N, C-alpha and C. Protein backbone atom coordinates (compact mmCIF):
# COMPACT_ATOMS: atom_id res chain seq x y z
N UNK A 1 8.28 14.72 8.35
CA UNK A 1 7.42 13.49 9.11
C UNK A 1 8.43 12.31 9.09
N UNK A 2 8.44 11.36 10.04
CA UNK A 2 9.35 10.16 9.64
C UNK A 2 8.47 8.90 9.40
N UNK A 3 8.53 8.39 8.47
CA UNK A 3 7.72 7.28 7.99
C UNK A 3 8.35 5.97 7.94
N UNK A 4 7.84 4.84 8.45
CA UNK A 4 8.46 3.41 8.28
C UNK A 4 7.75 3.09 7.26
N UNK A 5 8.39 2.62 6.26
CA UNK A 5 7.94 2.08 4.98
C UNK A 5 8.33 0.60 4.73
N UNK A 6 7.22 -0.26 5.23
CA UNK A 6 7.61 -1.75 4.52
C UNK A 6 7.17 -2.04 3.41
N UNK A 7 8.23 -2.90 2.77
CA UNK A 7 8.41 -3.22 1.45
C UNK A 7 8.79 -2.33 0.52
N UNK A 8 9.80 -1.44 1.09
CA UNK A 8 10.24 -0.43 0.25
C UNK A 8 11.05 -0.98 -1.01
N UNK A 9 11.40 -2.12 -1.17
CA UNK A 9 12.21 -2.45 -2.55
C UNK A 9 11.18 -3.02 -3.82
N UNK A 10 10.08 -2.88 -3.51
CA UNK A 10 9.24 -3.29 -4.60
C UNK A 10 8.97 -2.11 -5.40
N UNK A 11 8.48 -2.52 -6.35
CA UNK A 11 7.91 -1.30 -7.49
C UNK A 11 7.25 -0.16 -7.15
N UNK A 12 6.24 -0.58 -6.15
CA UNK A 12 5.40 0.41 -5.68
C UNK A 12 6.07 1.21 -4.54
N UNK A 13 6.63 0.18 -3.48
CA UNK A 13 7.33 0.87 -2.29
C UNK A 13 8.37 1.66 -2.89
N UNK A 14 9.45 1.26 -3.75
CA UNK A 14 10.34 2.52 -4.21
C UNK A 14 9.58 3.67 -4.48
N UNK A 15 8.53 3.66 -5.27
CA UNK A 15 8.06 5.08 -5.81
C UNK A 15 7.62 5.63 -4.47
N UNK A 16 6.94 5.16 -3.78
CA UNK A 16 6.33 5.57 -2.45
C UNK A 16 7.73 6.58 -1.49
N UNK A 17 8.89 5.64 -1.42
CA UNK A 17 10.05 6.37 -0.70
C UNK A 17 10.37 7.33 -1.51
N UNK A 18 10.70 7.36 -2.95
CA UNK A 18 10.89 8.37 -3.53
C UNK A 18 10.24 9.67 -3.60
N UNK A 19 8.84 9.55 -3.22
CA UNK A 19 8.04 10.59 -3.33
C UNK A 19 8.08 11.25 -1.95
N UNK A 20 8.15 10.30 -0.96
CA UNK A 20 8.21 10.79 0.50
C UNK A 20 9.79 11.78 0.48
N UNK A 21 10.57 10.99 0.17
CA UNK A 21 11.67 11.98 0.18
C UNK A 21 11.79 13.26 -0.53
N UNK A 22 11.10 13.01 -1.94
CA UNK A 22 11.08 14.44 -2.56
C UNK A 22 10.21 15.42 -1.89
N UNK A 23 9.62 14.86 -1.01
CA UNK A 23 8.71 15.83 -0.30
C UNK A 23 9.26 16.59 0.92
N UNK A 24 10.46 15.99 1.36
CA UNK A 24 11.20 16.07 2.50
C UNK A 24 11.19 15.22 3.82
N UNK A 25 10.46 14.39 3.81
CA UNK A 25 10.22 13.59 4.89
C UNK A 25 11.42 12.52 5.11
N UNK A 26 11.37 11.70 6.34
CA UNK A 26 12.44 10.90 6.64
C UNK A 26 11.86 9.62 6.39
N UNK A 27 12.61 8.83 5.91
CA UNK A 27 11.93 7.52 5.49
C UNK A 27 12.86 6.33 5.91
N UNK A 28 12.17 5.14 6.87
CA UNK A 28 13.19 4.05 7.15
C UNK A 28 12.43 2.98 6.34
N UNK A 29 13.38 2.39 5.38
CA UNK A 29 13.00 1.29 4.42
C UNK A 29 13.12 0.26 5.29
N UNK A 30 11.90 -0.40 5.71
CA UNK A 30 12.02 -1.83 6.43
C UNK A 30 11.75 -2.95 5.35
N UNK A 31 12.79 -3.75 5.54
CA UNK A 31 12.57 -5.21 4.44
C UNK A 31 13.55 -6.25 5.07
N UNK A 32 13.10 -7.37 4.41
CA UNK A 32 14.24 -8.65 4.91
C UNK A 32 15.25 -8.40 4.09
N UNK A 33 15.37 -7.60 2.80
CA UNK A 33 16.55 -7.47 2.15
C UNK A 33 17.06 -6.00 1.81
N UNK A 34 17.13 -4.87 2.77
CA UNK A 34 17.33 -3.53 2.68
C UNK A 34 18.25 -3.42 1.74
N UNK A 35 19.10 -4.20 1.49
CA UNK A 35 20.59 -3.71 0.83
C UNK A 35 19.82 -4.02 -0.84
N UNK A 36 18.80 -4.33 -0.91
CA UNK A 36 18.25 -4.25 -2.35
C UNK A 36 17.92 -3.00 -2.93
N UNK A 37 17.54 -1.99 -2.03
CA UNK A 37 17.18 -0.54 -2.60
C UNK A 37 18.19 -0.16 -3.51
N UNK A 38 17.71 0.47 -4.63
CA UNK A 38 18.58 0.83 -5.75
C UNK A 38 19.05 2.06 -5.71
N UNK A 39 18.70 3.08 -4.56
CA UNK A 39 19.03 4.53 -4.78
C UNK A 39 19.39 4.78 -3.00
N UNK A 40 19.92 5.97 -2.98
CA UNK A 40 20.54 6.49 -1.50
C UNK A 40 20.13 7.92 -1.61
N UNK A 41 19.63 8.36 -0.15
CA UNK A 41 19.46 9.55 -0.04
C UNK A 41 19.60 9.93 1.41
N UNK A 42 20.04 11.10 1.64
CA UNK A 42 20.57 11.53 3.33
C UNK A 42 19.68 11.40 4.13
N UNK A 43 18.20 11.36 3.61
CA UNK A 43 17.00 11.25 4.66
C UNK A 43 16.41 9.66 4.63
N UNK A 44 17.29 8.91 3.88
CA UNK A 44 16.65 7.49 3.63
C UNK A 44 17.50 6.67 4.49
N UNK A 45 16.87 6.04 5.48
CA UNK A 45 17.58 4.89 6.47
C UNK A 45 17.07 3.35 6.29
N UNK A 46 17.81 2.49 6.50
CA UNK A 46 17.16 1.21 6.29
C UNK A 46 17.31 0.37 7.57
N UNK A 47 16.36 -0.56 7.75
CA UNK A 47 16.03 -1.50 8.86
C UNK A 47 15.65 -2.92 8.21
N UNK A 48 16.60 -3.85 8.71
CA UNK A 48 16.18 -5.08 8.31
C UNK A 48 15.14 -5.87 9.24
N UNK A 49 14.04 -6.37 8.65
CA UNK A 49 12.99 -6.73 9.67
C UNK A 49 12.23 -7.74 8.84
N UNK A 50 11.39 -8.68 9.66
CA UNK A 50 10.87 -9.73 9.18
C UNK A 50 9.14 -9.42 9.21
N UNK A 51 8.47 -9.04 8.15
CA UNK A 51 6.93 -8.63 8.15
C UNK A 51 6.22 -9.63 8.98
N UNK A 52 6.88 -11.02 9.04
CA UNK A 52 5.90 -12.04 9.77
C UNK A 52 6.05 -11.91 11.34
N UNK A 53 6.97 -10.93 11.46
CA UNK A 53 7.18 -11.34 12.99
C UNK A 53 6.84 -9.95 13.53
N UNK A 54 5.82 -9.94 14.51
CA UNK A 54 5.35 -8.43 14.93
C UNK A 54 6.50 -7.69 15.98
N UNK A 55 7.28 -8.52 16.98
CA UNK A 55 8.31 -8.04 17.56
C UNK A 55 9.42 -7.50 16.63
N UNK A 56 9.70 -8.15 15.48
CA UNK A 56 10.86 -7.36 14.79
C UNK A 56 10.24 -6.08 14.13
N UNK A 57 8.88 -6.03 13.72
CA UNK A 57 8.52 -4.95 13.11
C UNK A 57 8.32 -3.62 14.15
N UNK A 58 8.05 -4.14 15.29
CA UNK A 58 7.88 -3.17 16.60
C UNK A 58 9.13 -2.56 16.54
N UNK A 59 10.19 -3.19 16.66
CA UNK A 59 11.38 -2.50 16.87
C UNK A 59 11.83 -1.54 15.77
N UNK A 60 11.42 -2.11 14.56
CA UNK A 60 11.74 -0.89 13.58
C UNK A 60 10.90 0.13 13.16
N UNK A 61 9.54 0.13 13.77
CA UNK A 61 8.67 1.07 13.60
C UNK A 61 8.76 2.01 14.85
N UNK A 62 9.23 1.56 15.88
CA UNK A 62 9.17 2.53 17.13
C UNK A 62 9.83 3.99 16.67
N UNK A 63 9.34 5.08 17.15
CA UNK A 63 9.98 6.31 16.79
C UNK A 63 9.43 7.01 15.47
N UNK A 64 8.55 6.36 14.94
CA UNK A 64 8.12 6.89 13.77
C UNK A 64 6.87 7.63 13.86
N UNK A 65 6.32 8.58 12.82
CA UNK A 65 5.06 9.08 12.94
C UNK A 65 3.85 8.36 12.23
N UNK A 66 4.47 7.65 11.26
CA UNK A 66 3.40 6.73 10.46
C UNK A 66 4.28 5.76 9.84
N UNK A 67 3.34 4.57 9.49
CA UNK A 67 3.77 3.44 8.82
C UNK A 67 2.93 3.37 7.49
N UNK A 68 3.84 3.10 6.25
CA UNK A 68 3.21 2.73 5.09
C UNK A 68 3.68 1.34 4.65
N UNK A 69 2.52 0.39 4.57
CA UNK A 69 2.91 -0.75 4.13
C UNK A 69 2.49 -1.12 2.72
N UNK A 70 3.67 -1.35 1.83
CA UNK A 70 3.64 -1.76 0.62
C UNK A 70 4.02 -3.23 0.41
N UNK A 71 3.85 -4.13 1.56
CA UNK A 71 4.31 -5.22 1.26
C UNK A 71 3.48 -6.04 0.08
N UNK A 72 4.18 -6.98 -0.49
CA UNK A 72 3.48 -7.93 -1.43
C UNK A 72 4.17 -9.23 -1.48
N UNK A 73 3.35 -10.00 -1.24
CA UNK A 73 4.26 -11.63 -1.31
C UNK A 73 4.47 -12.12 -2.85
N UNK A 74 5.53 -13.08 -2.74
CA UNK A 74 5.92 -13.54 -3.84
C UNK A 74 4.73 -14.43 -4.64
N UNK A 75 4.82 -14.57 -6.03
CA UNK A 75 3.74 -15.21 -6.96
C UNK A 75 3.85 -16.73 -6.02
N UNK A 76 2.77 -17.41 -5.61
CA UNK A 76 2.37 -18.72 -5.07
C UNK A 76 2.30 -18.61 -3.75
N UNK A 77 2.81 -17.78 -3.22
CA UNK A 77 2.65 -17.53 -1.77
C UNK A 77 1.63 -16.37 -1.14
N UNK A 78 0.65 -16.50 -1.99
CA UNK A 78 -0.34 -15.18 -1.44
C UNK A 78 -0.81 -15.31 -0.36
N UNK A 79 -1.12 -16.37 0.32
CA UNK A 79 -1.77 -16.43 1.80
C UNK A 79 -0.75 -15.74 2.66
N UNK A 80 0.50 -15.32 2.29
CA UNK A 80 1.34 -14.53 3.16
C UNK A 80 0.86 -13.26 3.51
N UNK A 81 -0.12 -12.77 2.67
CA UNK A 81 -0.50 -11.32 2.59
C UNK A 81 -1.40 -11.33 3.67
N UNK A 82 -2.05 -12.26 4.15
CA UNK A 82 -3.40 -12.27 5.37
C UNK A 82 -2.57 -12.41 6.40
N UNK A 83 -1.58 -13.20 6.68
CA UNK A 83 -0.64 -13.28 7.71
C UNK A 83 0.09 -11.80 8.04
N UNK A 84 0.56 -11.34 6.97
CA UNK A 84 1.14 -10.15 7.23
C UNK A 84 0.34 -9.01 7.58
N UNK A 85 -0.97 -9.06 7.25
CA UNK A 85 -1.73 -8.13 7.68
C UNK A 85 -2.06 -8.25 9.37
N UNK A 86 -2.38 -9.27 9.79
CA UNK A 86 -2.07 -9.35 11.26
C UNK A 86 -0.73 -8.93 11.77
N UNK A 87 -0.03 -9.49 11.46
CA UNK A 87 1.44 -8.97 11.84
C UNK A 87 1.82 -7.54 11.96
N UNK A 88 1.60 -7.01 10.73
CA UNK A 88 1.60 -5.44 10.68
C UNK A 88 0.95 -4.69 11.72
N UNK A 89 -0.48 -4.89 11.64
CA UNK A 89 -1.36 -4.23 12.83
C UNK A 89 -0.52 -4.50 13.97
N UNK A 90 -0.27 -5.67 14.35
CA UNK A 90 0.11 -5.58 15.95
C UNK A 90 1.21 -4.87 15.78
N UNK A 91 2.33 -4.96 15.02
CA UNK A 91 3.53 -4.43 15.14
C UNK A 91 3.51 -3.07 15.11
N UNK A 92 2.67 -2.33 14.43
CA UNK A 92 2.46 -0.99 14.26
C UNK A 92 1.84 -0.51 15.77
N UNK A 93 0.98 -1.51 16.06
CA UNK A 93 0.41 -1.04 17.58
C UNK A 93 1.63 -0.90 18.73
N UNK A 94 2.12 -2.06 18.82
CA UNK A 94 3.25 -2.37 19.63
C UNK A 94 4.37 -1.42 19.44
N UNK A 95 4.62 -0.94 18.60
CA UNK A 95 5.71 0.18 18.14
C UNK A 95 5.09 1.54 18.60
N UNK A 96 4.15 1.59 19.12
CA UNK A 96 3.35 2.95 19.32
C UNK A 96 2.95 3.84 18.42
N UNK A 97 2.69 3.37 17.11
CA UNK A 97 2.19 4.23 16.05
C UNK A 97 0.79 4.14 15.62
N UNK A 98 0.10 5.16 15.50
CA UNK A 98 -1.26 5.07 15.52
C UNK A 98 -1.57 5.18 13.95
N UNK A 99 -0.73 5.85 13.05
CA UNK A 99 -1.28 6.10 11.59
C UNK A 99 -0.56 4.83 10.49
N UNK A 100 -1.70 4.13 10.22
CA UNK A 100 -1.10 3.21 8.91
C UNK A 100 -1.68 3.09 7.64
N UNK A 101 -1.05 3.42 6.67
CA UNK A 101 -1.61 3.49 5.46
C UNK A 101 -1.22 2.22 4.51
N UNK A 102 -1.95 1.71 3.87
CA UNK A 102 -1.88 0.11 3.34
C UNK A 102 -1.90 0.29 1.67
N UNK A 103 -1.01 -0.41 0.96
CA UNK A 103 -1.21 -0.41 -0.51
C UNK A 103 -1.76 -1.61 -0.45
N UNK A 104 -3.01 -1.28 -1.09
CA UNK A 104 -3.92 -2.54 -1.23
C UNK A 104 -4.31 -3.27 -2.84
N UNK A 105 -5.14 -3.90 -2.83
CA UNK A 105 -5.42 -4.49 -4.45
C UNK A 105 -6.67 -3.85 -4.70
N UNK A 106 -7.01 -3.93 -5.98
CA UNK A 106 -8.36 -3.68 -6.78
C UNK A 106 -9.34 -4.53 -6.79
N UNK A 107 -9.06 -5.84 -6.61
CA UNK A 107 -9.66 -6.64 -6.81
C UNK A 107 -11.30 -6.64 -6.21
N UNK A 108 -11.27 -6.22 -5.27
CA UNK A 108 -12.61 -5.97 -4.22
C UNK A 108 -13.23 -4.64 -4.46
N UNK A 109 -12.86 -3.94 -5.11
CA UNK A 109 -13.45 -2.87 -5.75
C UNK A 109 -14.62 -3.22 -6.75
N UNK A 110 -15.62 -2.39 -6.47
CA UNK A 110 -16.94 -2.96 -7.32
C UNK A 110 -17.16 -2.19 -8.66
N UNK A 111 -17.34 -2.89 -9.54
CA UNK A 111 -17.65 -2.34 -10.97
C UNK A 111 -19.00 -1.70 -10.86
N UNK A 112 -19.29 -1.00 -12.07
CA UNK A 112 -20.49 -0.56 -12.31
C UNK A 112 -21.75 -1.47 -11.95
N UNK A 113 -21.58 -2.68 -12.34
CA UNK A 113 -22.55 -3.60 -12.31
C UNK A 113 -22.81 -3.88 -10.80
N UNK A 114 -22.13 -3.64 -9.91
CA UNK A 114 -22.17 -3.84 -8.29
C UNK A 114 -21.39 -5.32 -8.06
N UNK A 115 -20.55 -5.68 -9.03
CA UNK A 115 -19.87 -7.04 -8.78
C UNK A 115 -18.36 -6.61 -8.49
N UNK A 116 -17.71 -7.36 -7.36
CA UNK A 116 -16.22 -6.96 -7.13
C UNK A 116 -15.48 -7.46 -8.65
N UNK A 117 -14.51 -6.55 -8.92
CA UNK A 117 -13.77 -6.78 -9.98
C UNK A 117 -13.23 -8.27 -10.24
N UNK A 118 -12.65 -8.66 -8.84
CA UNK A 118 -12.16 -9.99 -9.28
C UNK A 118 -13.06 -11.20 -9.57
N UNK A 119 -14.37 -10.95 -9.69
CA UNK A 119 -15.39 -11.95 -9.85
C UNK A 119 -16.05 -11.81 -11.26
N UNK A 120 -15.24 -10.86 -12.01
CA UNK A 120 -15.80 -10.44 -13.29
C UNK A 120 -15.21 -11.40 -14.28
N UNK A 121 -15.94 -11.71 -15.69
CA UNK A 121 -15.34 -12.63 -16.34
C UNK A 121 -14.03 -12.48 -16.74
N UNK A 122 -13.72 -11.21 -17.08
CA UNK A 122 -12.32 -10.74 -17.82
C UNK A 122 -11.54 -10.47 -16.92
N UNK A 123 -11.54 -10.81 -15.44
CA UNK A 123 -10.57 -10.68 -14.74
C UNK A 123 -9.34 -11.83 -14.87
N UNK A 124 -8.25 -11.62 -14.68
CA UNK A 124 -6.85 -12.52 -15.12
C UNK A 124 -7.13 -13.45 -14.12
N UNK A 125 -7.07 -14.99 -14.65
CA UNK A 125 -6.98 -15.87 -13.68
C UNK A 125 -5.98 -16.02 -12.90
N UNK A 126 -4.74 -15.73 -13.48
CA UNK A 126 -3.52 -16.20 -12.78
C UNK A 126 -3.14 -15.36 -11.62
N UNK A 127 -4.14 -14.24 -11.43
CA UNK A 127 -3.99 -13.27 -10.05
C UNK A 127 -5.32 -13.18 -9.21
N UNK A 128 -6.21 -14.09 -9.62
CA UNK A 128 -7.49 -13.94 -8.89
C UNK A 128 -7.15 -14.32 -7.38
N UNK A 129 -6.19 -15.29 -7.01
CA UNK A 129 -5.87 -15.74 -5.79
C UNK A 129 -5.27 -14.75 -5.00
N UNK A 130 -4.29 -14.10 -5.58
CA UNK A 130 -3.94 -12.71 -4.93
C UNK A 130 -4.89 -11.65 -4.46
N UNK A 131 -5.70 -11.55 -5.55
CA UNK A 131 -6.77 -10.42 -5.49
C UNK A 131 -7.79 -10.72 -4.29
N UNK A 132 -8.04 -12.11 -4.08
CA UNK A 132 -8.86 -12.68 -3.04
C UNK A 132 -7.86 -12.26 -1.57
N UNK A 133 -6.63 -12.73 -1.68
CA UNK A 133 -6.01 -12.42 -0.47
C UNK A 133 -5.79 -10.97 -0.06
N UNK A 134 -5.92 -10.22 -0.99
CA UNK A 134 -5.93 -8.82 -0.62
C UNK A 134 -7.05 -8.37 -0.04
N UNK A 135 -8.34 -9.01 -0.55
CA UNK A 135 -9.58 -8.64 0.02
C UNK A 135 -9.68 -9.39 1.41
N UNK A 136 -9.23 -10.54 1.81
CA UNK A 136 -9.04 -10.99 3.29
C UNK A 136 -8.23 -9.86 4.27
N UNK A 137 -7.09 -9.64 3.43
CA UNK A 137 -6.13 -8.60 4.35
C UNK A 137 -6.98 -7.44 4.54
N UNK A 138 -7.78 -6.89 3.61
CA UNK A 138 -8.62 -5.51 3.64
C UNK A 138 -9.27 -5.85 5.09
N UNK A 139 -9.92 -6.74 5.15
CA UNK A 139 -11.12 -7.06 6.00
C UNK A 139 -10.33 -6.90 7.44
N UNK A 140 -8.94 -7.52 7.53
CA UNK A 140 -8.26 -7.47 8.81
C UNK A 140 -7.86 -5.99 8.95
N UNK A 141 -7.36 -5.47 8.14
CA UNK A 141 -7.13 -3.73 8.25
C UNK A 141 -8.37 -3.08 8.88
N UNK A 142 -9.70 -3.56 8.28
CA UNK A 142 -10.88 -2.79 8.50
C UNK A 142 -11.10 -3.01 10.39
N UNK A 143 -10.85 -3.91 10.83
CA UNK A 143 -10.89 -4.31 12.16
C UNK A 143 -9.87 -3.49 13.19
N UNK A 144 -8.88 -3.39 12.59
CA UNK A 144 -7.92 -2.70 13.33
C UNK A 144 -8.30 -1.45 14.10
N UNK A 145 -7.74 -1.43 15.63
CA UNK A 145 -7.75 -0.15 16.37
C UNK A 145 -6.89 0.96 16.14
N UNK A 146 -6.64 1.19 14.91
CA UNK A 146 -5.66 2.20 14.31
C UNK A 146 -6.12 3.27 13.28
N UNK A 147 -5.76 4.20 13.19
CA UNK A 147 -6.08 5.36 12.16
C UNK A 147 -5.59 4.72 10.67
N UNK A 148 -6.21 3.69 10.21
CA UNK A 148 -5.85 3.12 8.94
C UNK A 148 -6.46 3.63 7.76
N UNK A 149 -5.91 3.47 6.64
CA UNK A 149 -6.15 4.27 5.38
C UNK A 149 -5.77 2.90 4.34
N UNK A 150 -6.68 2.56 3.48
CA UNK A 150 -6.36 1.10 2.49
C UNK A 150 -6.56 1.86 1.32
N UNK A 151 -5.35 2.19 0.34
CA UNK A 151 -5.51 2.59 -0.89
C UNK A 151 -5.55 1.59 -1.94
N UNK A 152 -6.48 1.36 -2.80
CA UNK A 152 -6.72 0.30 -3.84
C UNK A 152 -6.15 1.12 -5.10
N UNK A 153 -5.56 0.32 -5.92
CA UNK A 153 -5.19 1.03 -7.07
C UNK A 153 -5.88 0.88 -8.23
N UNK A 154 -6.14 1.44 -9.44
CA UNK A 154 -6.80 1.03 -10.51
C UNK A 154 -6.38 -0.26 -10.64
N UNK A 155 -7.52 -0.90 -11.91
CA UNK A 155 -7.20 -2.17 -12.30
C UNK A 155 -5.90 -2.50 -12.84
N UNK A 156 -5.24 -1.51 -13.39
CA UNK A 156 -3.95 -1.58 -14.04
C UNK A 156 -3.14 -0.54 -13.43
N UNK A 157 -1.98 -1.04 -12.50
CA UNK A 157 -0.72 -0.13 -12.22
C UNK A 157 0.47 -0.37 -12.59
N UNK A 158 1.17 0.28 -13.15
CA UNK A 158 2.38 -0.01 -13.65
C UNK A 158 3.54 1.23 -13.75
N UNK A 159 4.67 0.89 -13.90
CA UNK A 159 5.68 2.41 -13.80
C UNK A 159 5.19 3.02 -15.14
N UNK A 160 5.51 4.40 -14.88
CA UNK A 160 5.12 5.50 -15.60
C UNK A 160 5.28 6.71 -15.39
N UNK A 161 4.66 7.88 -15.70
CA UNK A 161 5.02 9.18 -15.34
C UNK A 161 4.30 9.73 -14.07
N UNK A 162 4.97 10.63 -13.51
CA UNK A 162 4.16 11.36 -12.31
C UNK A 162 3.70 12.84 -12.89
N UNK A 163 2.36 12.56 -12.76
CA UNK A 163 1.77 13.82 -13.22
C UNK A 163 1.10 14.45 -12.39
N UNK A 164 0.59 13.85 -10.97
CA UNK A 164 0.23 14.63 -10.21
C UNK A 164 -1.63 14.70 -10.39
N UNK A 165 -1.96 14.19 -11.21
CA UNK A 165 -3.44 14.25 -11.87
C UNK A 165 -4.07 13.03 -11.78
N UNK A 166 -5.12 13.01 -11.25
CA UNK A 166 -5.97 11.52 -11.27
C UNK A 166 -7.32 11.90 -10.76
N UNK A 167 -8.06 10.92 -10.71
CA UNK A 167 -9.36 10.82 -9.98
C UNK A 167 -9.41 9.95 -8.86
N UNK A 168 -10.27 10.37 -8.09
CA UNK A 168 -10.33 9.85 -6.65
C UNK A 168 -11.92 8.77 -6.50
N UNK A 169 -12.03 7.80 -6.11
CA UNK A 169 -13.03 7.12 -5.78
C UNK A 169 -12.83 6.55 -4.44
N UNK A 170 -13.90 5.66 -3.80
CA UNK A 170 -13.86 5.08 -2.74
C UNK A 170 -13.92 3.36 -2.95
N UNK A 171 -14.99 2.86 -2.88
CA UNK A 171 -15.27 1.33 -3.07
C UNK A 171 -15.56 1.02 -4.45
N UNK A 172 -15.97 1.86 -5.40
CA UNK A 172 -16.20 1.64 -6.67
C UNK A 172 -14.90 2.18 -7.89
N UNK A 173 -14.91 0.80 -8.58
CA UNK A 173 -13.57 0.90 -9.38
C UNK A 173 -13.77 2.37 -10.19
N UNK A 174 -12.72 3.26 -10.25
CA UNK A 174 -12.82 4.34 -11.42
C UNK A 174 -12.09 4.07 -12.63
N UNK A 175 -13.19 4.46 -13.62
CA UNK A 175 -12.45 4.17 -15.12
C UNK A 175 -12.89 5.45 -15.71
N UNK A 176 -11.81 5.51 -17.22
CA UNK A 176 -12.10 6.74 -17.83
C UNK A 176 -13.55 6.31 -19.07
N UNK A 177 -13.52 7.29 -19.86
CA UNK A 177 -14.63 7.26 -20.87
C UNK A 177 -14.73 5.98 -21.75
N UNK A 178 -13.59 5.39 -21.94
CA UNK A 178 -13.17 4.05 -22.61
C UNK A 178 -13.50 3.02 -21.63
N UNK A 179 -13.59 3.20 -20.69
CA UNK A 179 -13.97 1.85 -19.70
C UNK A 179 -12.71 1.28 -18.99
N UNK A 180 -11.44 2.08 -19.46
CA UNK A 180 -10.28 1.60 -18.67
C UNK A 180 -9.78 1.92 -17.43
N UNK A 181 -9.30 1.43 -16.43
CA UNK A 181 -9.01 1.64 -14.91
C UNK A 181 -7.26 1.95 -15.08
N UNK A 182 -6.60 2.83 -15.20
CA UNK A 182 -5.11 2.59 -15.05
C UNK A 182 -4.73 3.84 -13.93
N UNK A 183 -3.51 3.59 -13.73
CA UNK A 183 -2.85 4.55 -12.97
C UNK A 183 -1.29 4.20 -12.89
N UNK A 184 -0.20 5.05 -12.87
CA UNK A 184 1.06 4.97 -12.86
C UNK A 184 1.37 4.69 -11.37
N UNK A 185 2.40 3.86 -11.28
CA UNK A 185 3.07 3.98 -9.79
C UNK A 185 3.19 4.90 -9.06
N UNK A 186 3.70 5.87 -10.06
CA UNK A 186 4.10 7.21 -9.59
C UNK A 186 3.39 8.09 -9.04
N UNK A 187 2.05 8.15 -9.52
CA UNK A 187 0.91 8.98 -9.57
C UNK A 187 0.19 8.15 -8.30
N UNK A 188 0.46 7.00 -7.99
CA UNK A 188 -0.23 6.17 -6.90
C UNK A 188 0.36 6.61 -5.75
N UNK A 189 1.86 6.78 -5.83
CA UNK A 189 2.73 7.21 -4.68
C UNK A 189 2.40 8.64 -4.57
N UNK A 190 1.96 9.47 -5.24
CA UNK A 190 1.52 11.11 -5.01
C UNK A 190 0.11 11.01 -3.99
N UNK A 191 -0.66 9.92 -4.59
CA UNK A 191 -2.11 9.83 -3.91
C UNK A 191 -1.66 9.37 -2.35
N UNK A 192 -1.01 8.55 -2.26
CA UNK A 192 -0.77 7.86 -0.75
C UNK A 192 0.06 9.00 0.12
N UNK A 193 1.09 9.86 -0.65
CA UNK A 193 1.70 10.83 0.22
C UNK A 193 0.60 12.07 0.43
N UNK A 194 -0.17 12.35 -0.42
CA UNK A 194 -1.10 13.28 -0.07
C UNK A 194 -2.11 12.94 0.91
N UNK A 195 -2.43 11.85 1.07
CA UNK A 195 -3.23 11.18 2.13
C UNK A 195 -2.59 11.20 3.43
N UNK A 196 -1.19 11.07 3.54
CA UNK A 196 -0.77 10.88 4.78
C UNK A 196 -0.35 12.61 5.22
N UNK A 197 -0.27 13.44 4.32
CA UNK A 197 -0.01 14.66 4.64
C UNK A 197 -1.25 15.58 5.03
N UNK A 198 -2.50 15.24 4.39
CA UNK A 198 -3.71 15.85 4.68
C UNK A 198 -4.77 14.76 4.43
N UNK A 199 -4.88 13.82 5.94
CA UNK A 199 -5.78 12.87 5.86
C UNK A 199 -7.16 13.14 5.49
N UNK A 200 -7.86 12.33 4.44
CA UNK A 200 -9.22 12.36 4.05
C UNK A 200 -9.86 11.27 4.10
N UNK A 201 -9.13 10.25 4.55
CA UNK A 201 -9.96 8.70 4.43
C UNK A 201 -9.49 7.94 5.66
N UNK A 202 -9.47 8.65 6.92
CA UNK A 202 -9.41 8.01 7.93
C UNK A 202 -10.21 6.56 8.46
N UNK A 203 -9.60 5.46 8.58
CA UNK A 203 -10.54 4.13 8.57
C UNK A 203 -11.39 4.23 7.44
N UNK A 204 -10.91 4.18 6.42
CA UNK A 204 -11.52 3.98 5.21
C UNK A 204 -10.70 3.53 4.02
N UNK A 205 -11.24 3.14 2.96
CA UNK A 205 -10.43 2.61 1.58
C UNK A 205 -10.74 3.95 0.71
N UNK A 206 -10.02 4.21 -0.07
CA UNK A 206 -9.87 5.10 -1.45
C UNK A 206 -9.15 4.38 -2.61
N UNK A 207 -9.67 4.87 -3.75
CA UNK A 207 -8.91 4.60 -4.94
C UNK A 207 -8.65 5.66 -5.84
N UNK A 208 -7.80 5.11 -6.77
CA UNK A 208 -7.10 6.49 -7.49
C UNK A 208 -6.94 5.98 -9.13
N UNK A 209 -7.46 6.62 -10.13
CA UNK A 209 -7.13 6.34 -11.44
C UNK A 209 -7.42 7.47 -12.46
N UNK A 210 -7.21 7.38 -13.70
CA UNK A 210 -7.01 8.59 -14.52
C UNK A 210 -8.41 8.78 -15.16
């Protein structure tokens, strides 16, 4: 499968690229600075494009089977997440690709009390703006006339081990017996590629955690 990967140089995007290549897919890393990729592979190509420009994305996306967006804004520029959602949808559509998978946020997942995680008392204030931007972007993706899938991570996602074992939920935060919600970036990438290869959540959101 030919995958156009937006945001391939970030922590999560890098691991998605590596997981896709590990499974034999061909990956085009789309980024403003594709030279920042820290690894090479014979099935890894690069394409410089501006995520804020649908025409630029259209050119980069053409000829692919699916688009995965791992775009993440710089701290203090969270509003770009919403603008990027619009251009990614438009660029994907104009590029002739119908399958779009999105690296989302966890803040709008519901806790056991039925409250969005980002509205709970213990949610870190410094990332609340980003969480709300992710929620706004999610609403844009939900209206897209594409076969989209939005993958929310656990409350905490960080580099770790690839185990291939995790639990799956939909709109509710997945926690373990101690109430924690975690996933490694590596296992998050496994879940993303599993969904690409065997779709279970077309036009829906799901989440993964241990």
